[in-house]
Amino acid sequence: MNVTITDSAAALYIEEIPLSKGDTLRLYVRVGGIGSGGFSVGVMKDEPTTSSYKIEKNGVTFFITEDDFWYMDGMTIDYKEDLGYLDFSNPVFEQLDHPDAK
């Protein structure tokens, strides 16, 4: 399992939610959305399990549970400050909203 959350993406989550040192934030596969629906990354304050994949940034633990490894493995989450949006990419899928493995 490998997920990258850039410093700029972590800082955005920490500021916007807001999060404090010691907080834990779950990243998960969210089903639904605008238009035809599909998949996206949801976030919620939650507690990790012992088998969760964890990334610590600025004292905050971001984590993913095993059920969501299939979608998140290989993902990079970055904040494009000049454009003002979070960018999600994963080379495993051509389209993240309707993932079909290459």
C-alpha atoms as a PDB file:
ATOM      1  CA  MET A   1       0.000   0.000   0.000  1.00  0.00           C
ATOM      2  CA  ASN A   2       1.390   3.366  -1.003  1.00  0.00           C
ATOM      3  CA  VAL A   3      -0.412   6.717  -0.848  1.00  0.00           C
ATOM      4  CA  THR A   4       1.181  10.152  -1.080  1.00  0.00           C
ATOM      5  CA  ILE A   5      -0.357  13.212   0.532  1.00  0.00           C
ATOM      6  CA  THR A   6       1.696  16.270  -0.303  1.00  0.00           C
ATOM      7  CA  ASP A   7       2.474  18.840   2.367  1.00  0.00           C
ATOM      8  CA  SER A   8       0.238  21.366   0.597  1.00  0.00           C
ATOM      9  CA  ALA A   9      -2.720  18.924   0.531  1.00  0.00           C
ATOM     10  CA  ALA A  10      -2.255  18.056   4.205  1.00  0.00           C
ATOM     11  CA  ALA A  11      -2.079  21.753   5.108  1.00  0.00           C
ATOM     12  CA  LEU A  12      -5.338  22.418   3.248  1.00  0.00           C
ATOM     13  CA  TYR A  13      -7.174  19.609   5.075  1.00  0.00           C
ATOM     14  CA  ILE A  14      -5.753  20.775   8.420  1.00  0.00           C
ATOM     15  CA  GLU A  15      -6.827  24.360   7.828  1.00  0.00           C
ATOM     16  CA  GLU A  16     -10.227  23.789   6.220  1.00  0.00           C
ATOM     17  CA  ILE A  17     -11.661  21.016   8.419  1.00  0.00           C
ATOM     18  CA  PRO A  18      -9.987  22.190  10.916  1.00  0.00           C
ATOM     19  CA  LEU A  19      -7.668  19.578  12.414  1.00  0.00           C
ATOM     20  CA  SER A  20      -5.316  19.749  15.397  1.00  0.00           C
ATOM     21  CA  LYS A  21      -2.266  17.754  16.385  1.00  0.00           C
ATOM     22  CA  GLY A  22      -3.366  14.293  17.455  1.00  0.00           C
ATOM     23  CA  ASP A  23      -6.472  14.269  15.225  1.00  0.00           C
ATOM     24  CA  THR A  24      -7.091  11.405  12.809  1.00  0.00           C
ATOM     25  CA  LEU A  25      -8.753  11.770   9.406  1.00  0.00           C
ATOM     26  CA  ARG A  26     -10.065   8.850   7.400  1.00  0.00           C
ATOM     27  CA  LEU A  27      -9.773   8.930   3.605  1.00  0.00           C
ATOM     28  CA  TYR A  28     -12.276   6.579   2.004  1.00  0.00           C
ATOM     29  CA  VAL A  29     -13.935   5.645  -1.269  1.00  0.00           C
ATOM     30  CA  ARG A  30     -17.052   7.742  -1.667  1.00  0.00           C
ATOM     31  CA  VAL A  31     -19.678   6.481  -4.095  1.00  0.00           C
ATOM     32  CA  GLY A  32     -21.873   9.033  -5.848  1.00  0.00           C
ATOM     33  CA  GLY A  33     -21.392  12.515  -7.076  1.00  0.00           C
ATOM     34  CA  ILE A  34     -22.583  15.012  -9.631  1.00  0.00           C
ATOM     35  CA  GLY A  35     -23.872  13.834 -13.002  1.00  0.00           C
ATOM     36  CA  SER A  36     -23.417  10.148 -13.634  1.00  0.00           C
ATOM     37  CA  GLY A  37     -22.095   9.450 -10.162  1.00  0.00           C
ATOM     38  CA  GLY A  38     -18.975   7.432  -9.692  1.00  0.00           C
ATOM     39  CA  PHE A  39     -16.202   7.292  -7.138  1.00  0.00           C
ATOM     40  CA  SER A  40     -14.300  10.007  -5.306  1.00  0.00           C
ATOM     41  CA  VAL A  41     -12.304  10.419  -2.089  1.00  0.00           C
ATOM     42  CA  GLY A  42     -14.318  11.226   1.010  1.00  0.00           C
ATOM     43  CA  VAL A  43     -12.942  12.377   4.341  1.00  0.00           C
ATOM     44  CA  MET A  44     -14.204  12.103   7.898  1.00  0.00           C
ATOM     45  CA  LYS A  45     -12.828  12.298  11.400  1.00  0.00           C
ATOM     46  CA  ASP A  46     -12.571   8.717  12.629  1.00  0.00           C
ATOM     47  CA  GLU A  47     -10.199   6.351  14.433  1.00  0.00           C
ATOM     48  CA  PRO A  48      -7.880   3.980  12.543  1.00  0.00           C
ATOM     49  CA  THR A  49      -7.921   0.240  13.015  1.00  0.00           C
ATOM     50  CA  THR A  50      -4.751  -1.760  13.609  1.00  0.00           C
ATOM     51  CA  SER A  51      -4.667  -2.711   9.907  1.00  0.00           C
ATOM     52  CA  SER A  52      -5.188   0.847   8.595  1.00  0.00           C
ATOM     53  CA  TYR A  53      -2.551   2.424   6.360  1.00  0.00           C
ATOM     54  CA  LYS A  54      -1.387   5.600   8.129  1.00  0.00           C
ATOM     55  CA  ILE A  55       0.383   8.749   7.012  1.00  0.00           C
ATOM     56  CA  GLU A  56       1.346  11.409   9.544  1.00  0.00           C
ATOM     57  CA  LYS A  57       1.631  15.038   8.478  1.00  0.00           C
ATOM     58  CA  ASN A  58       2.081  17.968  10.880  1.00  0.00           C
ATOM     59  CA  GLY A  59       0.888  15.910  13.849  1.00  0.00           C
ATOM     60  CA  VAL A  60      -2.295  14.724  12.099  1.00  0.00           C
ATOM     61  CA  THR A  61      -2.745  11.077  11.101  1.00  0.00           C
ATOM     62  CA  PHE A  62      -4.413  10.490   7.736  1.00  0.00           C
ATOM     63  CA  PHE A  63      -5.497   6.883   7.307  1.00  0.00           C
ATOM     64  CA  ILE A  64      -7.156   4.409   4.967  1.00  0.00           C
ATOM     65  CA  THR A  65      -8.897   1.204   6.032  1.00  0.00           C
ATOM     66  CA  GLU A  66      -8.352  -2.094   4.233  1.00  0.00           C
ATOM     67  CA  ASP A  67     -11.730  -1.911   2.464  1.00  0.00           C
ATOM     68  CA  ASP A  68     -10.490   1.094   0.497  1.00  0.00           C
ATOM     69  CA  PHE A  69      -6.969  -0.092  -0.388  1.00  0.00           C
ATOM     70  CA  TRP A  70      -8.130  -1.202  -3.875  1.00  0.00           C
ATOM     71  CA  TYR A  71      -8.905   2.407  -4.882  1.00  0.00           C
ATOM     72  CA  MET A  72      -6.339   4.350  -2.896  1.00  0.00           C
ATOM     73  CA  ASP A  73      -3.202   2.254  -3.452  1.00  0.00           C
ATOM     74  CA  GLY A  74      -0.824   4.272  -5.645  1.00  0.00           C
ATOM     75  CA  MET A  75      -2.789   7.517  -5.251  1.00  0.00           C
ATOM     76  CA  THR A  76      -1.244  10.959  -4.900  1.00  0.00           C
ATOM     77  CA  ILE A  77      -3.265  13.743  -3.314  1.00  0.00           C
ATOM     78  CA  ASP A  78      -1.912  17.200  -4.032  1.00  0.00           C
ATOM     79  CA  TYR A  79      -3.240  20.719  -3.592  1.00  0.00           C
ATOM     80  CA  LYS A  80      -2.795  22.930  -6.645  1.00  0.00           C
ATOM     81  CA  GLU A  81      -2.694  26.277  -4.868  1.00  0.00           C
ATOM     82  CA  ASP A  82      -2.521  28.325  -8.070  1.00  0.00           C
ATOM     83  CA  LEU A  83      -5.748  26.672  -9.295  1.00  0.00           C
ATOM     84  CA  GLY A  84      -7.360  26.323  -5.862  1.00  0.00           C
ATOM     85  CA  TYR A  85      -8.249  22.620  -5.960  1.00  0.00           C
ATOM     86  CA  LEU A  86      -7.206  19.230  -4.688  1.00  0.00           C
ATOM     87  CA  ASP A  87      -5.784  16.990  -7.385  1.00  0.00           C
ATOM     88  CA  PHE A  88      -6.211  13.222  -7.061  1.00  0.00           C
ATOM     89  CA  SER A  89      -4.212  10.968  -9.348  1.00  0.00           C
ATOM     90  CA  ASN A  90      -3.598   7.246  -9.498  1.00  0.00           C
ATOM     91  CA  PRO A  91      -1.683   5.627 -12.369  1.00  0.00           C
ATOM     92  CA  VAL A  92      -3.620   2.378 -11.819  1.00  0.00           C
ATOM     93  CA  PHE A  93      -6.816   3.911 -13.229  1.00  0.00           C
ATOM     94  CA  GLU A  94      -7.410   5.968 -16.360  1.00  0.00           C
ATOM     95  CA  GLN A  95     -10.432   7.625 -14.703  1.00  0.00           C
ATOM     96  CA  LEU A  96     -10.766   7.831 -10.942  1.00  0.00           C
ATOM     97  CA  ASP A  97     -14.502   8.494 -11.052  1.00  0.00           C
ATOM     98  CA  HIS A  98     -15.163   5.274 -12.987  1.00  0.00           C
ATOM     99  CA  PRO A  99     -12.124   3.096 -12.237  1.00  0.00           C
ATOM    100  CA  ASP A 100     -11.298   0.246 -14.554  1.00  0.00           C
ATOM    101  CA  ALA A 101      -7.828  -1.175 -14.151  1.00  0.00           C
ATOM    102  CA  LYS A 102      -5.572  -0.595 -17.155  1.00  0.00           C
END
